Every structure is written in C-alpha cells, then in structure tokens.
Amino acid sequence: MNDDTGTRPGPAARDPEDVDADFTDFVTAQGARLLRLAELMTGDPHRAADLTQTALERAYLRWHRIESGSCFRRG
C-alpha cells in the first residue's frame, strides 16, 4: 500500500544478526548442493569451489532482496 507521499513503504528493518543467521542456515542447507552443481558445470573441483564462493558472496550482498522475493517481482 502507498503512504501519503504515494510511495510504497520500505521493508521492515531486521536485526543484522538475524539476517546473517538466515544466510548461514541457507548455506548450511544448500552449500553442498551448490558446490556439486558448480563441479558439474566446470568439471574442476577447484574452479567449482571458487565459483560457489563467488556466487555466495554476491548472494549475501543481496540477501535482503533474495529472501523477501523482491528480486523475482516485476513491475
């Protein structure tokens, strides 16, 4: 919904420790799967580890958008 200025309210502020814990839970649950996928893509376990690390670093920086699903919305 819009406020008096005609803009949508921003997401509620979350404790950074909660966000870190959520991301850590994601990595714990999905990290091995992501690494296996990267190994299939690269054919090299060392390159796969680098690829996975880079992808997780980039995801962490955008975690607030990924977790909220706003990166999947259009419009």
N, C-alpha and C. Protein backbone atom coordinates (compact mmCIF):
# COMPACT_ATOMS: atom_id res chain seq x y z
N MET A 1 0.83 -1.18 0.00
CA MET A 1 0.00 0.00 0.00
C MET A 1 0.88 1.24 0.00
N ASN A 2 0.29 2.32 -0.46
CA ASN A 2 1.02 3.56 -0.54
C ASN A 2 0.79 4.40 0.70
N ASP A 3 1.77 5.21 1.04
CA ASP A 3 1.59 6.16 2.14
C ASP A 3 1.16 7.50 1.55
N ASP A 4 1.15 8.56 2.33
CA ASP A 4 0.68 9.87 1.87
C ASP A 4 1.54 10.44 0.74
N THR A 5 2.76 9.98 0.61
CA THR A 5 3.64 10.51 -0.43
C THR A 5 3.46 9.77 -1.75
N GLY A 6 2.66 8.73 -1.76
CA GLY A 6 2.45 7.96 -2.97
C GLY A 6 3.51 6.92 -3.23
N THR A 7 4.35 6.65 -2.23
CA THR A 7 5.40 5.65 -2.38
C THR A 7 5.08 4.46 -1.50
N ARG A 8 5.66 3.37 -1.87
CA ARG A 8 5.48 2.16 -1.06
C ARG A 8 6.41 2.21 0.14
N PRO A 9 5.96 1.72 1.27
CA PRO A 9 6.87 1.68 2.42
C PRO A 9 7.98 0.67 2.18
N GLY A 10 9.16 0.95 2.73
CA GLY A 10 10.29 0.05 2.60
C GLY A 10 10.10 -1.18 3.48
N PRO A 11 10.97 -2.17 3.30
CA PRO A 11 10.86 -3.36 4.13
C PRO A 11 11.18 -3.02 5.59
N ALA A 12 10.58 -3.76 6.48
CA ALA A 12 10.84 -3.54 7.91
C ALA A 12 12.31 -3.85 8.19
N ALA A 13 12.92 -3.04 9.01
CA ALA A 13 14.32 -3.25 9.36
C ALA A 13 14.46 -4.54 10.16
N ARG A 14 15.49 -5.31 9.84
CA ARG A 14 15.74 -6.55 10.54
C ARG A 14 17.10 -6.46 11.21
N ASP A 15 17.21 -7.16 12.30
CA ASP A 15 18.47 -7.23 13.02
C ASP A 15 19.50 -7.91 12.11
N PRO A 16 20.67 -7.28 11.89
CA PRO A 16 21.68 -7.88 11.02
C PRO A 16 22.09 -9.29 11.47
N GLU A 17 22.06 -9.54 12.75
CA GLU A 17 22.41 -10.88 13.22
C GLU A 17 21.39 -11.91 12.75
N ASP A 18 20.11 -11.53 12.68
CA ASP A 18 19.07 -12.43 12.17
C ASP A 18 19.30 -12.72 10.70
N VAL A 19 19.65 -11.67 9.96
CA VAL A 19 19.92 -11.84 8.53
C VAL A 19 21.11 -12.76 8.33
N ASP A 20 22.18 -12.55 9.09
CA ASP A 20 23.36 -13.41 8.99
C ASP A 20 23.00 -14.85 9.33
N ALA A 21 22.20 -15.04 10.35
CA ALA A 21 21.80 -16.40 10.75
C ALA A 21 20.98 -17.06 9.64
N ASP A 22 20.08 -16.30 9.01
CA ASP A 22 19.28 -16.85 7.92
C ASP A 22 20.16 -17.25 6.74
N PHE A 23 21.12 -16.40 6.41
CA PHE A 23 22.02 -16.72 5.30
C PHE A 23 22.88 -17.94 5.65
N THR A 24 23.36 -18.00 6.88
CA THR A 24 24.15 -19.15 7.31
C THR A 24 23.34 -20.43 7.22
N ASP A 25 22.08 -20.36 7.62
CA ASP A 25 21.19 -21.54 7.51
C ASP A 25 21.05 -21.96 6.05
N PHE A 26 20.90 -20.98 5.15
CA PHE A 26 20.79 -21.29 3.72
C PHE A 26 22.05 -21.99 3.22
N VAL A 27 23.22 -21.45 3.57
CA VAL A 27 24.47 -22.03 3.11
C VAL A 27 24.64 -23.43 3.68
N THR A 28 24.29 -23.62 4.94
CA THR A 28 24.40 -24.94 5.56
C THR A 28 23.50 -25.94 4.85
N ALA A 29 22.29 -25.52 4.50
CA ALA A 29 21.33 -26.42 3.87
C ALA A 29 21.62 -26.66 2.39
N GLN A 30 22.14 -25.65 1.68
CA GLN A 30 22.26 -25.74 0.22
C GLN A 30 23.70 -25.71 -0.30
N GLY A 31 24.66 -25.44 0.55
CA GLY A 31 26.04 -25.26 0.09
C GLY A 31 26.60 -26.46 -0.64
N ALA A 32 26.41 -27.64 -0.12
CA ALA A 32 26.95 -28.84 -0.77
C ALA A 32 26.30 -29.06 -2.13
N ARG A 33 25.01 -28.79 -2.21
CA ARG A 33 24.30 -28.93 -3.49
C ARG A 33 24.83 -27.92 -4.51
N LEU A 34 25.05 -26.69 -4.06
CA LEU A 34 25.59 -25.67 -4.96
C LEU A 34 26.99 -26.04 -5.44
N LEU A 35 27.80 -26.57 -4.55
CA LEU A 35 29.15 -26.98 -4.92
C LEU A 35 29.12 -28.12 -5.93
N ARG A 36 28.25 -29.10 -5.73
CA ARG A 36 28.13 -30.21 -6.69
C ARG A 36 27.69 -29.70 -8.06
N LEU A 37 26.74 -28.77 -8.08
CA LEU A 37 26.29 -28.19 -9.34
C LEU A 37 27.44 -27.46 -10.03
N ALA A 38 28.20 -26.70 -9.27
CA ALA A 38 29.34 -25.99 -9.84
C ALA A 38 30.38 -26.96 -10.39
N GLU A 39 30.58 -28.09 -9.72
CA GLU A 39 31.51 -29.10 -10.22
C GLU A 39 31.03 -29.69 -11.53
N LEU A 40 29.73 -29.92 -11.65
CA LEU A 40 29.18 -30.40 -12.91
C LEU A 40 29.36 -29.37 -14.02
N MET A 41 29.22 -28.11 -13.68
CA MET A 41 29.33 -27.04 -14.67
C MET A 41 30.77 -26.82 -15.12
N THR A 42 31.72 -26.91 -14.19
CA THR A 42 33.11 -26.57 -14.51
C THR A 42 33.97 -27.79 -14.81
N GLY A 43 33.64 -28.93 -14.23
CA GLY A 43 34.48 -30.11 -14.39
C GLY A 43 35.76 -30.06 -13.59
N ASP A 44 35.89 -29.08 -12.72
CA ASP A 44 37.11 -28.90 -11.94
C ASP A 44 36.72 -28.52 -10.50
N PRO A 45 37.09 -29.35 -9.52
CA PRO A 45 36.67 -29.07 -8.15
C PRO A 45 37.20 -27.74 -7.60
N HIS A 46 38.38 -27.32 -8.03
CA HIS A 46 38.93 -26.05 -7.55
C HIS A 46 38.18 -24.86 -8.13
N ARG A 47 37.93 -24.90 -9.44
CA ARG A 47 37.14 -23.84 -10.06
C ARG A 47 35.72 -23.84 -9.50
N ALA A 48 35.19 -25.02 -9.22
CA ALA A 48 33.85 -25.11 -8.66
C ALA A 48 33.78 -24.45 -7.29
N ALA A 49 34.79 -24.66 -6.48
CA ALA A 49 34.82 -24.03 -5.15
C ALA A 49 34.89 -22.52 -5.29
N ASP A 50 35.72 -22.03 -6.23
CA ASP A 50 35.80 -20.58 -6.45
C ASP A 50 34.47 -20.02 -6.94
N LEU A 51 33.84 -20.72 -7.87
CA LEU A 51 32.55 -20.28 -8.40
C LEU A 51 31.49 -20.24 -7.31
N THR A 52 31.45 -21.27 -6.49
CA THR A 52 30.47 -21.32 -5.41
C THR A 52 30.71 -20.19 -4.42
N GLN A 53 31.95 -19.97 -4.06
CA GLN A 53 32.29 -18.90 -3.12
C GLN A 53 31.87 -17.54 -3.67
N THR A 54 32.16 -17.30 -4.93
CA THR A 54 31.80 -16.02 -5.55
C THR A 54 30.29 -15.85 -5.60
N ALA A 55 29.58 -16.90 -5.96
CA ALA A 55 28.12 -16.82 -6.02
C ALA A 55 27.53 -16.54 -4.65
N LEU A 56 28.06 -17.19 -3.62
CA LEU A 56 27.54 -16.98 -2.27
C LEU A 56 27.88 -15.58 -1.75
N GLU A 57 29.06 -15.08 -2.10
CA GLU A 57 29.41 -13.70 -1.71
C GLU A 57 28.43 -12.71 -2.32
N ARG A 58 28.14 -12.89 -3.60
CA ARG A 58 27.21 -11.98 -4.29
C ARG A 58 25.80 -12.12 -3.73
N ALA A 59 25.41 -13.34 -3.42
CA ALA A 59 24.08 -13.56 -2.84
C ALA A 59 23.96 -12.90 -1.47
N TYR A 60 25.02 -13.00 -0.67
CA TYR A 60 24.99 -12.39 0.66
C TYR A 60 24.75 -10.89 0.59
N LEU A 61 25.39 -10.24 -0.38
CA LEU A 61 25.22 -8.79 -0.53
C LEU A 61 23.80 -8.39 -0.90
N ARG A 62 23.06 -9.33 -1.50
CA ARG A 62 21.69 -9.07 -1.94
C ARG A 62 20.67 -9.89 -1.16
N TRP A 63 21.09 -10.46 -0.05
CA TRP A 63 20.26 -11.41 0.67
C TRP A 63 18.91 -10.81 1.05
N HIS A 64 18.85 -9.55 1.42
CA HIS A 64 17.58 -8.93 1.81
C HIS A 64 16.58 -8.97 0.66
N ARG A 65 17.05 -8.82 -0.58
CA ARG A 65 16.16 -8.88 -1.73
C ARG A 65 15.80 -10.32 -2.08
N ILE A 66 16.77 -11.21 -2.00
CA ILE A 66 16.54 -12.62 -2.33
C ILE A 66 15.55 -13.22 -1.36
N GLU A 67 15.78 -12.99 -0.06
CA GLU A 67 14.94 -13.58 0.97
C GLU A 67 13.51 -13.07 0.89
N SER A 68 13.35 -11.79 0.58
CA SER A 68 12.00 -11.20 0.52
C SER A 68 11.29 -11.56 -0.78
N GLY A 69 12.03 -12.05 -1.76
CA GLY A 69 11.44 -12.39 -3.04
C GLY A 69 11.30 -11.20 -3.95
N SER A 70 11.76 -10.01 -3.53
CA SER A 70 11.59 -8.83 -4.36
C SER A 70 12.42 -8.89 -5.63
N CYS A 71 13.44 -9.72 -5.67
CA CYS A 71 14.24 -9.82 -6.89
C CYS A 71 13.50 -10.60 -7.97
N PHE A 72 12.38 -11.25 -7.61
CA PHE A 72 11.62 -12.04 -8.58
C PHE A 72 10.36 -11.33 -9.04
N ARG A 73 10.06 -10.19 -8.45
CA ARG A 73 8.84 -9.45 -8.82
C ARG A 73 9.13 -8.51 -9.97
N ARG A 74 8.13 -8.35 -10.80
CA ARG A 74 8.23 -7.39 -11.90
C ARG A 74 7.24 -6.28 -11.64
N GLY A 75 7.57 -5.13 -12.21
CA GLY A 75 6.62 -4.04 -12.14
C GLY A 75 6.97 -3.09 -11.11
